[in-house]
Amino acid sequence: MGTHNYYIYIITNKSKTVLYIGVTNNLKERLFYHSNPEANSKHFSHKYNCKYLVYFEHYQDIETAISREKQLKKWNRKKKDFLISKKNPNWDFLNDEV
């Protein structure tokens, strides 16, 4: 059985006022989707211009990744901000790192 790659990710807008949490098996492709207005015109991330990656976690099991995504979506903003800041203190945009 081969290794699988799944990611939970958090993207934000340029001013870092809105967060979007998602799960994917291809982070690079998903970031392109969020940056492409033609493919994404009715989606939450397009409405709020969320296309800048600030946080991600890697998993090899889809059930674990989905469970983590659901957990993070229940968190309040302060807790999400703390999580991001632990791994990415300056909230750098990480799009070019994937």
PDB file of N, CA and C in Angstrom:
ATOM      1  N   MET A   1       0.838  -1.183   0.000  1.00  0.00           N
ATOM      2  CA  MET A   1       0.000   0.000   0.000  1.00  0.00           C
ATOM      3  C   MET A   1       0.882   1.245   0.000  1.00  0.00           C
ATOM      4  N   GLY A   2       0.608   2.175  -0.888  1.00  0.00           N
ATOM      5  CA  GLY A   2       1.432   3.367  -1.024  1.00  0.00           C
ATOM      6  C   GLY A   2       1.124   4.421   0.023  1.00  0.00           C
ATOM      7  N   THR A   3       1.996   5.383   0.089  1.00  0.00           N
ATOM      8  CA  THR A   3       1.813   6.502   0.995  1.00  0.00           C
ATOM      9  C   THR A   3       0.878   7.521   0.354  1.00  0.00           C
ATOM     10  N   HIS A   4      -0.032   8.036   1.145  1.00  0.00           N
ATOM     11  CA  HIS A   4      -0.952   9.061   0.663  1.00  0.00           C
ATOM     12  C   HIS A   4      -0.638  10.371   1.363  1.00  0.00           C
ATOM     13  N   ASN A   5      -0.953  11.459   0.705  1.00  0.00           N
ATOM     14  CA  ASN A   5      -0.723  12.778   1.270  1.00  0.00           C
ATOM     15  C   ASN A   5      -2.032  13.545   1.335  1.00  0.00           C
ATOM     16  N   TYR A   6      -2.349  14.009   2.524  1.00  0.00           N
ATOM     17  CA  TYR A   6      -3.520  14.845   2.741  1.00  0.00           C
ATOM     18  C   TYR A   6      -3.084  16.022   3.596  1.00  0.00           C
ATOM     19  N   TYR A   7      -3.717  17.138   3.389  1.00  0.00           N
ATOM     20  CA  TYR A   7      -3.340  18.356   4.096  1.00  0.00           C
ATOM     21  C   TYR A   7      -4.580  19.056   4.614  1.00  0.00           C
ATOM     22  N   ILE A   8      -4.493  19.563   5.832  1.00  0.00           N
ATOM     23  CA  ILE A   8      -5.445  20.576   6.259  1.00  0.00           C
ATOM     24  C   ILE A   8      -4.669  21.876   6.123  1.00  0.00           C
ATOM     25  N   TYR A   9      -5.365  22.921   5.747  1.00  0.00           N
ATOM     26  CA  TYR A   9      -4.677  24.179   5.489  1.00  0.00           C
ATOM     27  C   TYR A   9      -5.533  25.346   5.938  1.00  0.00           C
ATOM     28  N   ILE A  10      -4.859  26.441   6.226  1.00  0.00           N
ATOM     29  CA  ILE A  10      -5.546  27.685   6.564  1.00  0.00           C
ATOM     30  C   ILE A  10      -5.027  28.753   5.616  1.00  0.00           C
ATOM     31  N   ILE A  11      -5.965  29.389   4.929  1.00  0.00           N
ATOM     32  CA  ILE A  11      -5.621  30.512   4.064  1.00  0.00           C
ATOM     33  C   ILE A  11      -6.310  31.759   4.603  1.00  0.00           C
ATOM     34  N   THR A  12      -5.796  32.913   4.195  1.00  0.00           N
ATOM     35  CA  THR A  12      -6.333  34.180   4.663  1.00  0.00           C
ATOM     36  C   THR A  12      -6.326  35.188   3.521  1.00  0.00           C
ATOM     37  N   ASN A  13      -6.886  36.356   3.787  1.00  0.00           N
ATOM     38  CA  ASN A  13      -6.820  37.445   2.815  1.00  0.00           C
ATOM     39  C   ASN A  13      -5.565  38.275   3.093  1.00  0.00           C
ATOM     40  N   LYS A  14      -5.307  39.246   2.244  1.00  0.00           N
ATOM     41  CA  LYS A  14      -4.065  40.022   2.356  1.00  0.00           C
ATOM     42  C   LYS A  14      -3.940  40.735   3.705  1.00  0.00           C
ATOM     43  N   SER A  15      -5.055  41.226   4.235  1.00  0.00           N
ATOM     44  CA  SER A  15      -5.008  41.933   5.518  1.00  0.00           C
ATOM     45  C   SER A  15      -5.144  40.998   6.725  1.00  0.00           C
ATOM     46  N   LYS A  16      -5.266  39.694   6.452  1.00  0.00           N
ATOM     47  CA  LYS A  16      -5.294  38.650   7.489  1.00  0.00           C
ATOM     48  C   LYS A  16      -6.487  38.786   8.442  1.00  0.00           C
ATOM     49  N   THR A  17      -7.610  39.260   7.920  1.00  0.00           N
ATOM     50  CA  THR A  17      -8.803  39.443   8.747  1.00  0.00           C
ATOM     51  C   THR A  17      -9.786  38.282   8.654  1.00  0.00           C
ATOM     52  N   VAL A  18      -9.643  37.436   7.641  1.00  0.00           N
ATOM     53  CA  VAL A  18     -10.555  36.310   7.433  1.00  0.00           C
ATOM     54  C   VAL A  18      -9.726  35.037   7.296  1.00  0.00           C
ATOM     55  N   LEU A  19     -10.189  33.954   7.910  1.00  0.00           N
ATOM     56  CA  LEU A  19      -9.520  32.660   7.790  1.00  0.00           C
ATOM     57  C   LEU A  19     -10.452  31.660   7.121  1.00  0.00           C
ATOM     58  N   TYR A  20      -9.870  30.825   6.276  1.00  0.00           N
ATOM     59  CA  TYR A  20     -10.606  29.720   5.660  1.00  0.00           C
ATOM     60  C   TYR A  20      -9.817  28.449   5.924  1.00  0.00           C
ATOM     61  N   ILE A  21     -10.487  27.402   6.393  1.00  0.00           N
ATOM     62  CA  ILE A  21      -9.845  26.120   6.687  1.00  0.00           C
ATOM     63  C   ILE A  21     -10.384  25.080   5.720  1.00  0.00           C
ATOM     64  N   GLY A  22      -9.479  24.303   5.137  1.00  0.00           N
ATOM     65  CA  GLY A  22      -9.890  23.265   4.202  1.00  0.00           C
ATOM     66  C   GLY A  22      -9.016  22.035   4.314  1.00  0.00           C
ATOM     67  N   VAL A  23      -9.387  21.002   3.556  1.00  0.00           N
ATOM     68  CA  VAL A  23      -8.623  19.757   3.488  1.00  0.00           C
ATOM     69  C   VAL A  23      -8.478  19.388   2.018  1.00  0.00           C
ATOM     70  N   THR A  24      -7.334  18.826   1.651  1.00  0.00           N
ATOM     71  CA  THR A  24      -7.075  18.473   0.258  1.00  0.00           C
ATOM     72  C   THR A  24      -6.035  17.368   0.185  1.00  0.00           C
ATOM     73  N   ASN A  25      -5.961  16.726  -0.971  1.00  0.00           N
ATOM     74  CA  ASN A  25      -4.882  15.765  -1.206  1.00  0.00           C
ATOM     75  C   ASN A  25      -3.820  16.351  -2.128  1.00  0.00           C
ATOM     76  N   ASN A  26      -4.023  17.586  -2.581  1.00  0.00           N
ATOM     77  CA  ASN A  26      -3.048  18.257  -3.440  1.00  0.00           C
ATOM     78  C   ASN A  26      -3.046  19.740  -3.091  1.00  0.00           C
ATOM     79  N   LEU A  27      -2.161  20.118  -2.187  1.00  0.00           N
ATOM     80  CA  LEU A  27      -2.154  21.479  -1.661  1.00  0.00           C
ATOM     81  C   LEU A  27      -1.837  22.513  -2.732  1.00  0.00           C
ATOM     82  N   LYS A  28      -0.871  22.221  -3.573  1.00  0.00           N
ATOM     83  CA  LYS A  28      -0.488  23.171  -4.619  1.00  0.00           C
ATOM     84  C   LYS A  28      -1.664  23.443  -5.568  1.00  0.00           C
ATOM     85  N   GLU A  29      -2.342  22.384  -5.974  1.00  0.00           N
ATOM     86  CA  GLU A  29      -3.493  22.525  -6.868  1.00  0.00           C
ATOM     87  C   GLU A  29      -4.635  23.282  -6.188  1.00  0.00           C
ATOM     88  N   ARG A  30      -4.865  22.998  -4.922  1.00  0.00           N
ATOM     89  CA  ARG A  30      -5.942  23.676  -4.202  1.00  0.00           C
ATOM     90  C   ARG A  30      -5.653  25.162  -4.035  1.00  0.00           C
ATOM     91  N   LEU A  31      -4.392  25.512  -3.793  1.00  0.00           N
ATOM     92  CA  LEU A  31      -4.041  26.928  -3.691  1.00  0.00           C
ATOM     93  C   LEU A  31      -4.266  27.639  -5.019  1.00  0.00           C
ATOM     94  N   PHE A  32      -3.964  26.957  -6.115  1.00  0.00           N
ATOM     95  CA  PHE A  32      -4.234  27.528  -7.434  1.00  0.00           C
ATOM     96  C   PHE A  32      -5.736  27.761  -7.602  1.00  0.00           C
ATOM     97  N   TYR A  33      -6.535  26.804  -7.180  1.00  0.00           N
ATOM     98  CA  TYR A  33      -7.995  26.935  -7.255  1.00  0.00           C
ATOM     99  C   TYR A  33      -8.463  28.166  -6.485  1.00  0.00           C
ATOM    100  N   HIS A  34      -7.958  28.347  -5.268  1.00  0.00           N
ATOM    101  CA  HIS A  34      -8.376  29.493  -4.460  1.00  0.00           C
ATOM    102  C   HIS A  34      -7.918  30.817  -5.076  1.00  0.00           C
ATOM    103  N   SER A  35      -6.859  30.800  -5.864  1.00  0.00           N
ATOM    104  CA  SER A  35      -6.336  32.018  -6.494  1.00  0.00           C
ATOM    105  C   SER A  35      -6.968  32.305  -7.847  1.00  0.00           C
ATOM    106  N   ASN A  36      -7.753  31.368  -8.361  1.00  0.00           N
ATOM    107  CA  ASN A  36      -8.306  31.487  -9.706  1.00  0.00           C
ATOM    108  C   ASN A  36      -9.776  31.899  -9.633  1.00  0.00           C
ATOM    109  N   PRO A  37     -10.089  33.168  -9.905  1.00  0.00           N
ATOM    110  CA  PRO A  37     -11.473  33.634  -9.773  1.00  0.00           C
ATOM    111  C   PRO A  37     -12.460  32.937 -10.704  1.00  0.00           C
ATOM    112  N   GLU A  38     -12.003  32.465 -11.843  1.00  0.00           N
ATOM    113  CA  GLU A  38     -12.922  31.804 -12.775  1.00  0.00           C
ATOM    114  C   GLU A  38     -13.410  30.471 -12.223  1.00  0.00           C
ATOM    115  N   ALA A  39     -12.558  29.750 -11.553  1.00  0.00           N
ATOM    116  CA  ALA A  39     -12.929  28.444 -11.000  1.00  0.00           C
ATOM    117  C   ALA A  39     -13.613  28.579  -9.647  1.00  0.00           C
ATOM    118  N   ASN A  40     -13.454  29.719  -9.023  1.00  0.00           N
ATOM    119  CA  ASN A  40     -13.766  29.866  -7.614  1.00  0.00           C
ATOM    120  C   ASN A  40     -14.772  30.980  -7.328  1.00  0.00           C
ATOM    121  N   SER A  41     -15.480  31.482  -8.316  1.00  0.00           N
ATOM    122  CA  SER A  41     -16.231  32.731  -8.181  1.00  0.00           C
ATOM    123  C   SER A  41     -17.343  32.730  -7.129  1.00  0.00           C
ATOM    124  N   LYS A  42     -17.910  31.593  -6.795  1.00  0.00           N
ATOM    125  CA  LYS A  42     -19.020  31.568  -5.834  1.00  0.00           C
ATOM    126  C   LYS A  42     -18.611  31.013  -4.474  1.00  0.00           C
ATOM    127  N   HIS A  43     -17.367  30.781  -4.295  1.00  0.00           N
ATOM    128  CA  HIS A  43     -16.856  30.150  -3.080  1.00  0.00           C
ATOM    129  C   HIS A  43     -16.530  31.203  -2.016  1.00  0.00           C
ATOM    130  N   PHE A  44     -16.635  30.820  -0.747  1.00  0.00           N
ATOM    131  CA  PHE A  44     -16.314  31.695   0.380  1.00  0.00           C
ATOM    132  C   PHE A  44     -14.936  32.328   0.224  1.00  0.00           C
ATOM    133  N   SER A  45     -13.958  31.519  -0.163  1.00  0.00           N
ATOM    134  CA  SER A  45     -12.583  32.026  -0.254  1.00  0.00           C
ATOM    135  C   SER A  45     -12.455  33.121  -1.310  1.00  0.00           C
ATOM    136  N   HIS A  46     -13.236  33.044  -2.377  1.00  0.00           N
ATOM    137  CA  HIS A  46     -13.207  34.098  -3.401  1.00  0.00           C
ATOM    138  C   HIS A  46     -13.898  35.360  -2.888  1.00  0.00           C
ATOM    139  N   LYS A  47     -15.036  35.182  -2.249  1.00  0.00           N
ATOM    140  CA  LYS A  47     -15.798  36.324  -1.738  1.00  0.00           C
ATOM    141  C   LYS A  47     -14.944  37.183  -0.810  1.00  0.00           C
ATOM    142  N   TYR A  48     -14.115  36.546   0.003  1.00  0.00           N
ATOM    143  CA  TYR A  48     -13.283  37.271   0.964  1.00  0.00           C
ATOM    144  C   TYR A  48     -11.816  37.342   0.546  1.00  0.00           C
ATOM    145  N   ASN A  49     -11.525  36.950  -0.685  1.00  0.00           N
ATOM    146  CA  ASN A  49     -10.177  37.019  -1.257  1.00  0.00           C
ATOM    147  C   ASN A  49      -9.148  36.242  -0.429  1.00  0.00           C
ATOM    148  N   CYS A  50      -9.549  35.087   0.075  1.00  0.00           N
ATOM    149  CA  CYS A  50      -8.645  34.227   0.843  1.00  0.00           C
ATOM    150  C   CYS A  50      -7.865  33.350  -0.125  1.00  0.00           C
ATOM    151  N   LYS A  51      -6.594  33.639  -0.257  1.00  0.00           N
ATOM    152  CA  LYS A  51      -5.749  32.847  -1.154  1.00  0.00           C
ATOM    153  C   LYS A  51      -4.317  32.728  -0.657  1.00  0.00           C
ATOM    154  N   TYR A  52      -4.055  33.232   0.531  1.00  0.00           N
ATOM    155  CA  TYR A  52      -2.699  33.243   1.068  1.00  0.00           C
ATOM    156  C   TYR A  52      -2.558  32.177   2.158  1.00  0.00           C
ATOM    157  N   LEU A  53      -1.724  31.197   1.903  1.00  0.00           N
ATOM    158  CA  LEU A  53      -1.503  30.102   2.844  1.00  0.00           C
ATOM    159  C   LEU A  53      -0.678  30.587   4.031  1.00  0.00           C
ATOM    160  N   VAL A  54      -1.198  30.373   5.241  1.00  0.00           N
ATOM    161  CA  VAL A  54      -0.454  30.748   6.447  1.00  0.00           C
ATOM    162  C   VAL A  54      -0.181  29.555   7.361  1.00  0.00           C
ATOM    163  N   TYR A  55      -0.843  28.418   7.076  1.00  0.00           N
ATOM    164  CA  TYR A  55      -0.669  27.255   7.953  1.00  0.00           C
ATOM    165  C   TYR A  55      -1.112  25.999   7.220  1.00  0.00           C
ATOM    166  N   PHE A  56      -0.389  24.891   7.462  1.00  0.00           N
ATOM    167  CA  PHE A  56      -0.847  23.597   6.960  1.00  0.00           C
ATOM    168  C   PHE A  56      -0.263  22.474   7.798  1.00  0.00           C
ATOM    169  N   GLU A  57      -0.958  21.350   7.787  1.00  0.00           N
ATOM    170  CA  GLU A  57      -0.513  20.128   8.446  1.00  0.00           C
ATOM    171  C   GLU A  57      -0.632  18.993   7.445  1.00  0.00           C
ATOM    172  N   HIS A  58       0.296  18.053   7.513  1.00  0.00           N
ATOM    173  CA  HIS A  58       0.325  16.909   6.592  1.00  0.00           C
ATOM    174  C   HIS A  58      -0.162  15.653   7.308  1.00  0.00           C
ATOM    175  N   TYR A  59      -0.969  14.870   6.605  1.00  0.00           N
ATOM    176  CA  TYR A  59      -1.466  13.591   7.122  1.00  0.00           C
ATOM    177  C   TYR A  59      -1.367  12.539   6.030  1.00  0.00           C
ATOM    178  N   GLN A  60      -1.298  11.277   6.434  1.00  0.00           N
ATOM    179  CA  GLN A  60      -1.290  10.176   5.471  1.00  0.00           C
ATOM    180  C   GLN A  60      -2.620   9.436   5.443  1.00  0.00           C
ATOM    181  N   ASP A  61      -3.547   9.862   6.272  1.00  0.00           N
ATOM    182  CA  ASP A  61      -4.846   9.207   6.378  1.00  0.00           C
ATOM    183  C   ASP A  61      -5.948  10.259   6.231  1.00  0.00           C
ATOM    184  N   ILE A  62      -6.856  10.072   5.288  1.00  0.00           N
ATOM    185  CA  ILE A  62      -7.889  11.066   5.010  1.00  0.00           C
ATOM    186  C   ILE A  62      -8.844  11.248   6.183  1.00  0.00           C
ATOM    187  N   GLU A  63      -9.167  10.179   6.881  1.00  0.00           N
ATOM    188  CA  GLU A  63     -10.086  10.300   8.011  1.00  0.00           C
ATOM    189  C   GLU A  63      -9.496  11.180   9.113  1.00  0.00           C
ATOM    190  N   THR A  64      -8.211  11.017   9.360  1.00  0.00           N
ATOM    191  CA  THR A  64      -7.535  11.839  10.369  1.00  0.00           C
ATOM    192  C   THR A  64      -7.505  13.299   9.934  1.00  0.00           C
ATOM    193  N   ALA A  65      -7.226  13.534   8.666  1.00  0.00           N
ATOM    194  CA  ALA A  65      -7.180  14.903   8.148  1.00  0.00           C
ATOM    195  C   ALA A  65      -8.551  15.572   8.248  1.00  0.00           C
ATOM    196  N   ILE A  66      -9.595  14.858   7.873  1.00  0.00           N
ATOM    197  CA  ILE A  66     -10.947  15.424   7.936  1.00  0.00           C
ATOM    198  C   ILE A  66     -11.357  15.689   9.383  1.00  0.00           C
ATOM    199  N   SER A  67     -10.998  14.788  10.270  1.00  0.00           N
ATOM    200  CA  SER A  67     -11.295  14.975  11.687  1.00  0.00           C
ATOM    201  C   SER A  67     -10.609  16.232  12.224  1.00  0.00           C
ATOM    202  N   ARG A  68      -9.356  16.429  11.837  1.00  0.00           N
ATOM    203  CA  ARG A  68      -8.614  17.615  12.277  1.00  0.00           C
ATOM    204  C   ARG A  68      -9.226  18.884  11.686  1.00  0.00           C
ATOM    205  N   GLU A  69      -9.618  18.842  10.425  1.00  0.00           N
ATOM    206  CA  GLU A  69     -10.268  20.000   9.800  1.00  0.00           C
ATOM    207  C   GLU A  69     -11.523  20.385  10.582  1.00  0.00           C
ATOM    208  N   LYS A  70     -12.347  19.413  10.908  1.00  0.00           N
ATOM    209  CA  LYS A  70     -13.581  19.676  11.657  1.00  0.00           C
ATOM    210  C   LYS A  70     -13.279  20.258  13.030  1.00  0.00           C
ATOM    211  N   GLN A  71     -12.222  19.730  13.670  1.00  0.00           N
ATOM    212  CA  GLN A  71     -11.824  20.240  14.980  1.00  0.00           C
ATOM    213  C   GLN A  71     -11.443  21.712  14.884  1.00  0.00           C
ATOM    214  N   LEU A  72     -10.592  22.057  13.918  1.00  0.00           N
ATOM    215  CA  LEU A  72     -10.129  23.440  13.779  1.00  0.00           C
ATOM    216  C   LEU A  72     -11.271  24.389  13.439  1.00  0.00           C
ATOM    217  N   LYS A  73     -12.210  23.933  12.637  1.00  0.00           N
ATOM    218  CA  LYS A  73     -13.340  24.790  12.259  1.00  0.00           C
ATOM    219  C   LYS A  73     -14.212  25.151  13.458  1.00  0.00           C
ATOM    220  N   LYS A  74     -14.169  24.350  14.508  1.00  0.00           N
ATOM    221  CA  LYS A  74     -14.949  24.633  15.721  1.00  0.00           C
ATOM    222  C   LYS A  74     -14.241  25.620  16.650  1.00  0.00           C
ATOM    223  N   TRP A  75     -12.958  25.818  16.437  1.00  0.00           N
ATOM    224  CA  TRP A  75     -12.192  26.704  17.308  1.00  0.00           C
ATOM    225  C   TRP A  75     -12.582  28.162  17.088  1.00  0.00           C
ATOM    226  N   ASN A  76     -12.407  28.969  18.139  1.00  0.00           N
ATOM    227  CA  ASN A  76     -12.611  30.407  17.977  1.00  0.00           C
ATOM    228  C   ASN A  76     -11.384  31.030  17.306  1.00  0.00           C
ATOM    229  N   ARG A  77     -11.521  32.266  16.899  1.00  0.00           N
ATOM    230  CA  ARG A  77     -10.456  32.938  16.147  1.00  0.00           C
ATOM    231  C   ARG A  77      -9.163  33.031  16.960  1.00  0.00           C
ATOM    232  N   LYS A  78      -9.263  33.320  18.239  1.00  0.00           N
ATOM    233  CA  LYS A  78      -8.068  33.460  19.073  1.00  0.00           C
ATOM    234  C   LYS A  78      -7.253  32.169  19.094  1.00  0.00           C
ATOM    235  N   LYS A  79      -7.923  31.045  19.215  1.00  0.00           N
ATOM    236  CA  LYS A  79      -7.238  29.754  19.254  1.00  0.00           C
ATOM    237  C   LYS A  79      -6.584  29.439  17.903  1.00  0.00           C
ATOM    238  N   LYS A  80      -7.270  29.765  16.801  1.00  0.00           N
ATOM    239  CA  LYS A  80      -6.704  29.561  15.465  1.00  0.00           C
ATOM    240  C   LYS A  80      -5.479  30.455  15.265  1.00  0.00           C
ATOM    241  N   ASP A  81      -5.589  31.707  15.701  1.00  0.00           N
ATOM    242  CA  ASP A  81      -4.455  32.632  15.586  1.00  0.00           C
ATOM    243  C   ASP A  81      -3.240  32.104  16.344  1.00  0.00           C
ATOM    244  N   PHE A  82      -3.468  31.567  17.528  1.00  0.00           N
ATOM    245  CA  PHE A  82      -2.377  31.023  18.332  1.00  0.00           C
ATOM    246  C   PHE A  82      -1.723  29.841  17.622  1.00  0.00           C
ATOM    247  N   LEU A  83      -2.531  28.955  17.054  1.00  0.00           N
ATOM    248  CA  LEU A  83      -2.011  27.799  16.320  1.00  0.00           C
ATOM    249  C   LEU A  83      -1.123  28.254  15.162  1.00  0.00           C
ATOM    250  N   ILE A  84      -1.604  29.202  14.388  1.00  0.00           N
ATOM    251  CA  ILE A  84      -0.833  29.715  13.246  1.00  0.00           C
ATOM    252  C   ILE A  84       0.464  30.352  13.733  1.00  0.00           C
ATOM    253  N   SER A  85       0.368  31.170  14.770  1.00  0.00           N
ATOM    254  CA  SER A  85       1.538  31.901  15.273  1.00  0.00           C
ATOM    255  C   SER A  85       2.619  30.985  15.836  1.00  0.00           C
ATOM    256  N   LYS A  86       2.236  29.824  16.371  1.00  0.00           N
ATOM    257  CA  LYS A  86       3.239  28.882  16.885  1.00  0.00           C
ATOM    258  C   LYS A  86       4.134  28.368  15.765  1.00  0.00           C
ATOM    259  N   LYS A  87       3.558  28.105  14.607  1.00  0.00           N
ATOM    260  CA  LYS A  87       4.306  27.537  13.491  1.00  0.00           C
ATOM    261  C   LYS A  87       4.801  28.606  12.512  1.00  0.00           C
ATOM    262  N   ASN A  88       4.110  29.727  12.464  1.00  0.00           N
ATOM    263  CA  ASN A  88       4.404  30.786  11.500  1.00  0.00           C
ATOM    264  C   ASN A  88       4.247  32.134  12.210  1.00  0.00           C
ATOM    265  N   PRO A  89       5.202  32.495  13.085  1.00  0.00           N
ATOM    266  CA  PRO A  89       5.062  33.665  13.957  1.00  0.00           C
ATOM    267  C   PRO A  89       4.791  34.984  13.232  1.00  0.00           C
ATOM    268  N   ASN A  90       5.319  35.136  12.037  1.00  0.00           N
ATOM    269  CA  ASN A  90       5.122  36.381  11.289  1.00  0.00           C
ATOM    270  C   ASN A  90       3.942  36.318  10.326  1.00  0.00           C
ATOM    271  N   TRP A  91       3.257  35.196  10.339  1.00  0.00           N
ATOM    272  CA  TRP A  91       2.142  34.981   9.411  1.00  0.00           C
ATOM    273  C   TRP A  91       2.586  35.213   7.968  1.00  0.00           C
ATOM    274  N   ASP A  92       3.778  34.698   7.645  1.00  0.00           N
ATOM    275  CA  ASP A  92       4.267  34.796   6.269  1.00  0.00           C
ATOM    276  C   ASP A  92       3.340  34.013   5.354  1.00  0.00           C
ATOM    277  N   PHE A  93       3.232  34.466   4.115  1.00  0.00           N
ATOM    278  CA  PHE A  93       2.451  33.734   3.123  1.00  0.00           C
ATOM    279  C   PHE A  93       3.318  32.598   2.598  1.00  0.00           C
ATOM    280  N   LEU A  94       2.852  31.375   2.736  1.00  0.00           N
ATOM    281  CA  LEU A  94       3.644  30.173   2.473  1.00  0.00           C
ATOM    282  C   LEU A  94       3.375  29.554   1.108  1.00  0.00           C
ATOM    283  N   ASN A  95       2.637  30.224   0.256  1.00  0.00           N
ATOM    284  CA  ASN A  95       2.244  29.654  -1.038  1.00  0.00           C
ATOM    285  C   ASN A  95       3.432  29.150  -1.841  1.00  0.00           C
ATOM    286  N   ASP A  96       4.541  29.863  -1.809  1.00  0.00           N
ATOM    287  CA  ASP A  96       5.708  29.472  -2.605  1.00  0.00           C
ATOM    288  C   ASP A  96       6.480  28.303  -1.997  1.00  0.00           C
ATOM    289  N   GLU A  97       6.115  27.882  -0.796  1.00  0.00           N
ATOM    290  CA  GLU A  97       6.822  26.781  -0.132  1.00  0.00           C
ATOM    291  C   GLU A  97       6.219  25.415  -0.439  1.00  0.00           C
ATOM    292  N   VAL A  98       5.113  25.397  -1.165  1.00  0.00           N
ATOM    293  CA  VAL A  98       4.489  24.101  -1.498  1.00  0.00           C
ATOM    294  C   VAL A  98       4.624  23.796  -2.969  1.00  0.00           C
TER     295      VAL A  98
END
